[in-house]
Amino acid sequence: MAALQRKTGLGKGLGALLQQDDIGIAKNTPAEVPAAKPSTSPAGSINFIKVDQISINPFQPRTDFDEQALRELSESIEVQGLIQPITVRQVAKNEYQLISGERRLRASKLAGITEIPAYVRTANDQQMLEMALIENIQRENLNAIEIALSFQRMIEECSLKQEELGDRVSKNRSTVTNYLRLLKLPPVIQAAIRDGDLTMGHARALINVGEVDKQLYIFKEIVEKGLSVRTAEQLVREVQQAKDKKQKGKKEKALTFQYQKIEDDLASKFATRVKLNVKSTKGKGAIEIPFDSEDDLSRILELLDW
């Protein structure tokens, strides 16, 4: 067990939480697994724990595991043993709950390993959530939607502000905001991001489109025509420009010569710009008379005999 003393570095965020360096574990094939230590384990220690005594972390943000990658890791563990320990907390005698390392735990089970090395930590539910989320964000290739959901959970369940969250995961606030905005996209688009059919670059372009129907239209164009991110961004601009032109055309159409003359006469009467908004063909609408100060407002009110 001399190999237990070799150290490597942890990720910044997780290391700050655990306040302890990672410790490598020597080759651990089924034939070489040492006897399990007593069930009551001191916090921060490394123990060999039976896999059937470890329950899955209920706070695990990852929902999809690549089966091929799991098989490859399992084959590596069969040959080399589990090099990097998982992290657990003890919840009862001979009962542990996973904090991080579900992929390693699953692969070990596939490899037929009955006992694996694990850090034993003392953690409450919030710390469990934070450690699991940060460990996954920094060490696993989570898809963008899983990252966004992880960020949302940390904000909601750990009562963090976006700036605080950014500090925890070593990302600036704008990056955190962009991920969170993904969760406002229609479910079909979120699913495409999750499944890798839509890149983060495409998603950022779609975020800037306000209407769901236009988001879905552009999404369909991206998928069916295989548009690049740059082309998708150009399509977004064209859609937005067409919308602005249409809105401007509606306004110009509403202001007929008669309405325009009324607007001009009112502007002359009140000595300020007056906006006449006609909202329907039945003559309904509103008149806006802006003012620059309280004195200006008093002047306008006097003209209205208020």
Protein backbone atom coordinates (compact mmCIF):
# COMPACT_ATOMS: atom_id res chain seq x y z
CA MET A 1 0.00 0.00 0.00
CA ALA A 2 3.04 2.30 -0.30
CA ALA A 3 1.59 3.61 -3.53
CA LEU A 4 -1.13 5.32 -1.52
CA GLN A 5 1.27 8.15 -0.74
CA ARG A 6 1.71 9.37 -4.37
CA LYS A 7 -0.18 12.65 -4.91
CA THR A 8 -1.58 14.49 -7.91
CA GLY A 9 -3.56 17.75 -8.15
CA LEU A 10 -7.31 18.20 -7.89
CA GLY A 11 -9.45 20.56 -9.93
CA LYS A 12 -9.57 24.07 -8.45
CA GLY A 13 -13.20 24.17 -7.37
CA LEU A 14 -13.40 20.67 -5.93
CA GLY A 15 -10.02 20.99 -4.28
CA ALA A 16 -11.18 24.12 -2.51
CA LEU A 17 -14.19 22.25 -1.16
CA LEU A 18 -12.36 19.13 -0.10
CA GLN A 19 -9.15 20.94 0.97
CA GLN A 20 -7.13 17.85 0.17
CA ASP A 21 -5.03 16.67 -2.76
CA ASP A 22 -6.01 13.69 -4.88
CA ILE A 23 -4.25 10.47 -3.97
CA GLY A 24 -3.50 7.81 -6.53
CA ILE A 25 -4.26 4.13 -5.84
CA ALA A 26 -2.07 1.30 -7.00
CA LYS A 27 -3.32 -1.49 -9.28
CA ASN A 28 -6.43 -3.08 -7.79
CA THR A 29 -7.61 -6.18 -9.61
CA PRO A 30 -10.11 -8.46 -7.86
CA ALA A 31 -7.31 -10.79 -6.77
CA GLU A 32 -5.32 -7.93 -5.22
CA VAL A 33 -8.04 -6.15 -3.26
CA PRO A 34 -7.06 -5.95 0.41
CA ALA A 35 -9.53 -6.68 3.16
CA ALA A 36 -12.12 -3.96 3.79
CA LYS A 37 -11.44 -1.68 6.73
CA PRO A 38 -13.90 -1.31 9.58
CA SER A 39 -17.25 0.21 8.61
CA THR A 40 -16.79 3.29 10.78
CA SER A 41 -14.31 5.29 8.73
CA PRO A 42 -12.68 8.56 9.77
CA ALA A 43 -13.60 11.51 7.54
CA GLY A 44 -10.96 12.22 4.90
CA SER A 45 -9.53 8.69 4.93
CA ILE A 46 -9.24 6.28 2.00
CA ASN A 47 -10.87 2.88 2.39
CA PHE A 48 -11.66 -0.11 0.23
CA ILE A 49 -15.44 -0.39 0.28
CA LYS A 50 -17.71 -3.07 -1.14
CA VAL A 51 -19.53 -1.73 -4.20
CA ASP A 52 -22.83 -3.21 -3.02
CA GLN A 53 -22.60 -0.99 0.08
CA ILE A 54 -22.52 2.19 -2.04
CA SER A 55 -25.76 3.84 -3.14
CA ILE A 56 -25.95 6.29 -6.04
CA ASN A 57 -25.76 10.00 -5.33
CA PRO A 58 -29.31 11.43 -5.60
CA PHE A 59 -27.79 14.79 -6.51
CA GLN A 60 -25.93 13.45 -9.55
CA PRO A 61 -26.39 15.94 -12.42
CA ARG A 62 -25.33 13.53 -15.16
CA THR A 63 -28.21 11.54 -16.62
CA ASP A 64 -26.57 9.97 -19.70
CA PHE A 65 -23.53 7.72 -19.67
CA ASP A 66 -21.78 6.62 -22.85
CA GLU A 67 -22.01 2.81 -22.77
CA GLN A 68 -18.98 2.35 -25.06
CA ALA A 69 -16.88 4.65 -22.90
CA LEU A 70 -18.02 2.75 -19.79
CA ARG A 71 -16.98 -0.56 -21.36
CA GLU A 72 -13.58 0.86 -22.27
CA LEU A 73 -13.07 2.18 -18.74
CA SER A 74 -14.22 -1.16 -17.36
CA GLU A 75 -11.63 -3.01 -19.46
CA SER A 76 -8.94 -0.62 -18.23
CA ILE A 77 -9.96 -1.20 -14.62
CA GLU A 78 -9.80 -4.98 -15.15
CA VAL A 79 -6.17 -4.61 -16.21
CA GLN A 80 -4.92 -1.64 -14.19
CA GLY A 81 -7.34 -1.47 -11.29
CA LEU A 82 -9.19 1.69 -10.25
CA ILE A 83 -6.49 4.38 -10.13
CA GLN A 84 -8.58 7.30 -8.93
CA PRO A 85 -10.74 6.73 -5.83
CA ILE A 86 -14.39 7.65 -5.79
CA THR A 87 -15.73 9.91 -3.02
CA VAL A 88 -18.46 8.83 -0.60
CA ARG A 89 -20.04 9.76 2.70
CA GLN A 90 -20.99 7.21 5.33
CA VAL A 91 -24.71 7.28 6.13
CA ALA A 92 -24.93 4.19 8.37
CA LYS A 93 -22.98 1.10 9.37
CA ASN A 94 -21.72 -0.51 6.15
CA GLU A 95 -23.75 1.98 4.10
CA TYR A 96 -22.25 4.71 1.97
CA GLN A 97 -23.61 7.28 -0.46
CA LEU A 98 -21.71 8.34 -3.54
CA ILE A 99 -20.61 11.97 -3.73
CA SER A 100 -18.66 11.78 -6.98
CA GLY A 101 -17.33 9.11 -9.31
CA GLU A 102 -20.50 7.38 -10.56
CA ARG A 103 -18.86 6.60 -13.90
CA ARG A 104 -15.95 4.90 -12.12
CA LEU A 105 -18.36 3.01 -9.85
CA ARG A 106 -20.42 1.75 -12.80
CA ALA A 107 -17.30 0.70 -14.72
CA SER A 108 -15.92 -1.11 -11.66
CA LYS A 109 -19.15 -3.10 -11.36
CA LEU A 110 -18.91 -4.02 -15.04
CA ALA A 111 -15.34 -5.17 -14.44
CA GLY A 112 -16.48 -7.44 -11.63
CA ILE A 113 -14.62 -5.50 -8.95
CA THR A 114 -16.22 -6.10 -5.56
CA GLU A 115 -14.30 -3.52 -3.52
CA ILE A 116 -12.95 -0.16 -4.65
CA PRO A 117 -10.91 2.63 -3.07
CA ALA A 118 -12.90 5.60 -1.84
CA TYR A 119 -12.42 8.84 0.02
CA VAL A 120 -14.76 9.02 2.99
CA ARG A 121 -16.07 12.53 3.57
CA THR A 122 -18.35 14.24 6.04
CA ALA A 123 -20.89 16.25 4.05
CA ASN A 124 -24.44 17.50 4.42
CA ASP A 125 -26.91 17.47 1.53
CA GLN A 126 -25.94 20.92 0.24
CA GLN A 127 -22.25 20.07 0.33
CA MET A 128 -23.07 16.79 -1.42
CA LEU A 129 -24.82 18.67 -4.17
CA GLU A 130 -22.07 21.25 -4.56
CA MET A 131 -19.29 18.67 -4.65
CA ALA A 132 -21.14 16.43 -7.10
CA LEU A 133 -21.96 19.30 -9.43
CA ILE A 134 -18.52 20.88 -9.36
CA GLU A 135 -16.78 17.53 -9.76
CA ASN A 136 -18.87 16.72 -12.80
CA ILE A 137 -18.63 20.16 -14.38
CA GLN A 138 -14.85 20.19 -14.08
CA ARG A 139 -14.02 16.56 -14.74
CA GLU A 140 -16.70 15.14 -17.03
CA ASN A 141 -17.77 16.08 -20.53
CA LEU A 142 -21.28 17.12 -19.57
CA ASN A 143 -23.40 18.34 -22.46
CA ALA A 144 -24.45 21.99 -22.40
CA ILE A 145 -27.95 21.25 -21.08
CA GLU A 146 -26.59 19.15 -18.21
CA ILE A 147 -24.22 22.00 -17.35
CA ALA A 148 -27.09 24.48 -17.50
CA LEU A 149 -29.22 22.31 -15.22
CA SER A 150 -26.29 21.92 -12.85
CA PHE A 151 -25.83 25.69 -12.71
CA GLN A 152 -29.55 26.17 -12.11
CA ARG A 153 -29.54 23.65 -9.26
CA MET A 154 -26.53 25.29 -7.61
CA ILE A 155 -28.24 28.69 -7.80
CA GLU A 156 -31.60 27.45 -6.53
CA GLU A 157 -30.60 24.78 -4.02
CA CYS A 158 -27.34 26.25 -2.75
CA SER A 159 -28.67 29.83 -2.72
CA LEU A 160 -25.84 31.14 -4.88
CA LYS A 161 -25.80 34.26 -7.01
CA GLN A 162 -24.49 34.01 -10.56
CA GLU A 163 -21.25 35.75 -9.59
CA GLU A 164 -20.73 33.32 -6.70
CA LEU A 165 -21.49 30.37 -8.94
CA GLY A 166 -18.97 31.64 -11.49
CA ASP A 167 -16.30 31.77 -8.78
CA ARG A 168 -17.11 28.20 -7.68
CA VAL A 169 -16.80 26.74 -11.18
CA SER A 170 -14.09 29.13 -12.47
CA LYS A 171 -16.29 30.68 -15.15
CA ASN A 172 -17.24 34.32 -15.69
CA ARG A 173 -20.78 35.53 -15.17
CA SER A 174 -21.55 35.90 -18.90
CA THR A 175 -20.70 32.24 -19.48
CA VAL A 176 -22.96 31.18 -16.60
CA THR A 177 -25.75 33.41 -17.97
CA ASN A 178 -25.46 31.95 -21.48
CA TYR A 179 -25.78 28.42 -20.13
CA LEU A 180 -28.81 29.32 -18.01
CA ARG A 181 -30.49 30.96 -21.02
CA LEU A 182 -30.41 27.60 -22.82
CA LEU A 183 -33.11 26.40 -20.44
CA LYS A 184 -35.50 28.98 -21.91
CA LEU A 185 -35.29 27.42 -25.37
CA PRO A 186 -38.13 25.10 -26.55
CA PRO A 187 -37.79 21.48 -25.34
CA VAL A 188 -37.09 20.13 -28.84
CA ILE A 189 -34.10 22.47 -29.16
CA GLN A 190 -32.86 21.59 -25.68
CA ALA A 191 -33.06 17.90 -26.61
CA ALA A 192 -31.00 18.54 -29.77
CA ILE A 193 -28.32 20.30 -27.69
CA ARG A 194 -28.36 17.46 -25.16
CA ASP A 195 -28.02 14.84 -27.88
CA GLY A 196 -25.19 16.67 -29.64
CA ASP A 197 -27.24 17.53 -32.74
CA LEU A 198 -26.87 21.26 -32.06
CA THR A 199 -23.70 23.01 -30.92
CA MET A 200 -23.39 25.62 -28.22
CA GLY A 201 -22.59 28.16 -30.95
CA HIS A 202 -25.88 27.44 -32.72
CA ALA A 203 -27.70 27.59 -29.40
CA ARG A 204 -26.25 31.03 -28.58
CA ALA A 205 -27.56 32.32 -31.91
CA LEU A 206 -31.05 30.95 -31.18
CA ILE A 207 -31.08 32.48 -27.70
CA ASN A 208 -31.12 35.93 -29.27
CA VAL A 209 -34.37 35.22 -31.11
CA GLY A 210 -37.31 36.31 -28.99
CA GLU A 211 -40.21 34.39 -30.54
CA VAL A 212 -40.53 30.62 -30.16
CA ASP A 213 -41.92 30.14 -33.68
CA LYS A 214 -38.89 31.89 -35.17
CA GLN A 215 -36.53 29.86 -32.97
CA LEU A 216 -38.12 26.66 -34.23
CA TYR A 217 -37.96 27.86 -37.85
CA ILE A 218 -34.25 28.68 -37.60
CA PHE A 219 -33.57 25.43 -35.72
CA LYS A 220 -35.25 23.46 -38.53
CA GLU A 221 -33.14 25.27 -41.12
CA ILE A 222 -29.95 24.53 -39.17
CA VAL A 223 -30.72 20.82 -38.87
CA GLU A 224 -32.09 20.21 -42.37
CA LYS A 225 -29.47 22.26 -44.21
CA GLY A 226 -26.54 21.62 -41.92
CA LEU A 227 -25.92 25.34 -41.43
CA SER A 228 -22.66 26.47 -39.86
CA VAL A 229 -22.75 28.68 -36.78
CA ARG A 230 -21.84 31.74 -38.88
CA THR A 231 -24.60 31.01 -41.39
CA ALA A 232 -27.09 30.45 -38.57
CA GLU A 233 -26.13 33.80 -37.05
CA GLN A 234 -26.70 35.48 -40.42
CA LEU A 235 -30.11 33.82 -40.69
CA VAL A 236 -30.98 35.14 -37.24
CA ARG A 237 -30.04 38.66 -38.33
CA GLU A 238 -32.17 38.35 -41.47
CA VAL A 239 -35.16 37.13 -39.48
CA GLN A 240 -34.77 39.99 -37.01
CA GLN A 241 -34.39 42.56 -39.79
CA ALA A 242 -37.52 41.24 -41.53
CA LYS A 243 -39.41 41.54 -38.23
CA ASP A 244 -38.25 45.15 -37.74
CA LYS A 245 -39.16 46.05 -41.32
CA LYS A 246 -42.60 44.50 -40.93
CA GLN A 247 -43.25 46.40 -37.70
CA LYS A 248 -42.10 49.65 -39.30
CA GLY A 249 -44.34 48.99 -42.30
CA LYS A 250 -47.34 48.44 -40.03
CA LYS A 251 -46.70 51.74 -38.28
CA GLU A 252 -46.35 53.64 -41.55
CA LYS A 253 -49.51 52.03 -42.91
CA ALA A 254 -51.48 53.01 -39.79
CA LEU A 255 -50.48 56.67 -40.09
CA THR A 256 -52.52 57.76 -43.09
CA PHE A 257 -52.43 61.35 -44.29
CA GLN A 258 -55.35 62.18 -42.01
CA TYR A 259 -53.71 60.68 -38.91
CA GLN A 260 -50.36 62.22 -39.76
CA LYS A 261 -52.00 65.67 -39.99
CA ILE A 262 -53.61 65.16 -36.57
CA GLU A 263 -50.26 64.16 -35.11
CA ASP A 264 -48.61 67.25 -36.63
CA ASP A 265 -51.36 69.58 -35.40
CA LEU A 266 -51.10 68.18 -31.87
CA ALA A 267 -47.32 68.56 -31.90
CA SER A 268 -47.77 72.19 -32.95
CA LYS A 269 -50.37 72.86 -30.24
CA PHE A 270 -48.30 71.38 -27.39
CA ALA A 271 -44.91 72.49 -28.74
CA THR A 272 -43.50 69.02 -28.29
CA ARG A 273 -43.34 65.77 -30.22
CA VAL A 274 -46.65 63.91 -30.11
CA LYS A 275 -46.99 60.26 -31.05
CA LEU A 276 -50.27 58.97 -32.46
CA ASN A 277 -50.60 55.17 -32.26
CA VAL A 278 -53.46 53.71 -34.29
CA LYS A 279 -53.92 50.07 -33.34
CA SER A 280 -56.84 48.96 -35.49
CA THR A 281 -58.89 49.77 -38.57
CA LYS A 282 -61.73 50.90 -36.29
CA GLY A 283 -59.85 54.01 -35.25
CA LYS A 284 -58.76 52.80 -31.80
CA GLY A 285 -55.41 53.92 -30.51
CA ALA A 286 -53.55 56.20 -28.12
CA ILE A 287 -51.88 59.58 -28.00
CA GLU A 288 -48.48 59.99 -26.34
CA ILE A 289 -47.40 63.46 -25.24
CA PRO A 290 -43.89 63.31 -23.72
CA PHE A 291 -42.61 65.93 -21.28
CA ASP A 292 -39.09 66.81 -20.19
CA SER A 293 -39.69 68.08 -16.65
CA GLU A 294 -42.35 68.81 -14.06
CA ASP A 295 -42.58 72.37 -15.39
CA ASP A 296 -43.07 71.02 -18.89
CA LEU A 297 -45.81 68.73 -17.63
CA SER A 298 -47.54 71.68 -15.91
CA ARG A 299 -47.41 73.61 -19.16
CA ILE A 300 -49.04 70.76 -21.08
CA LEU A 301 -51.71 70.30 -18.42
CA GLU A 302 -52.60 73.99 -18.62
CA LEU A 303 -53.07 73.63 -22.38
CA LEU A 304 -55.41 70.74 -21.63
CA ASP A 305 -57.30 72.91 -19.12
CA TRP A 306 -56.40 70.39 -16.40
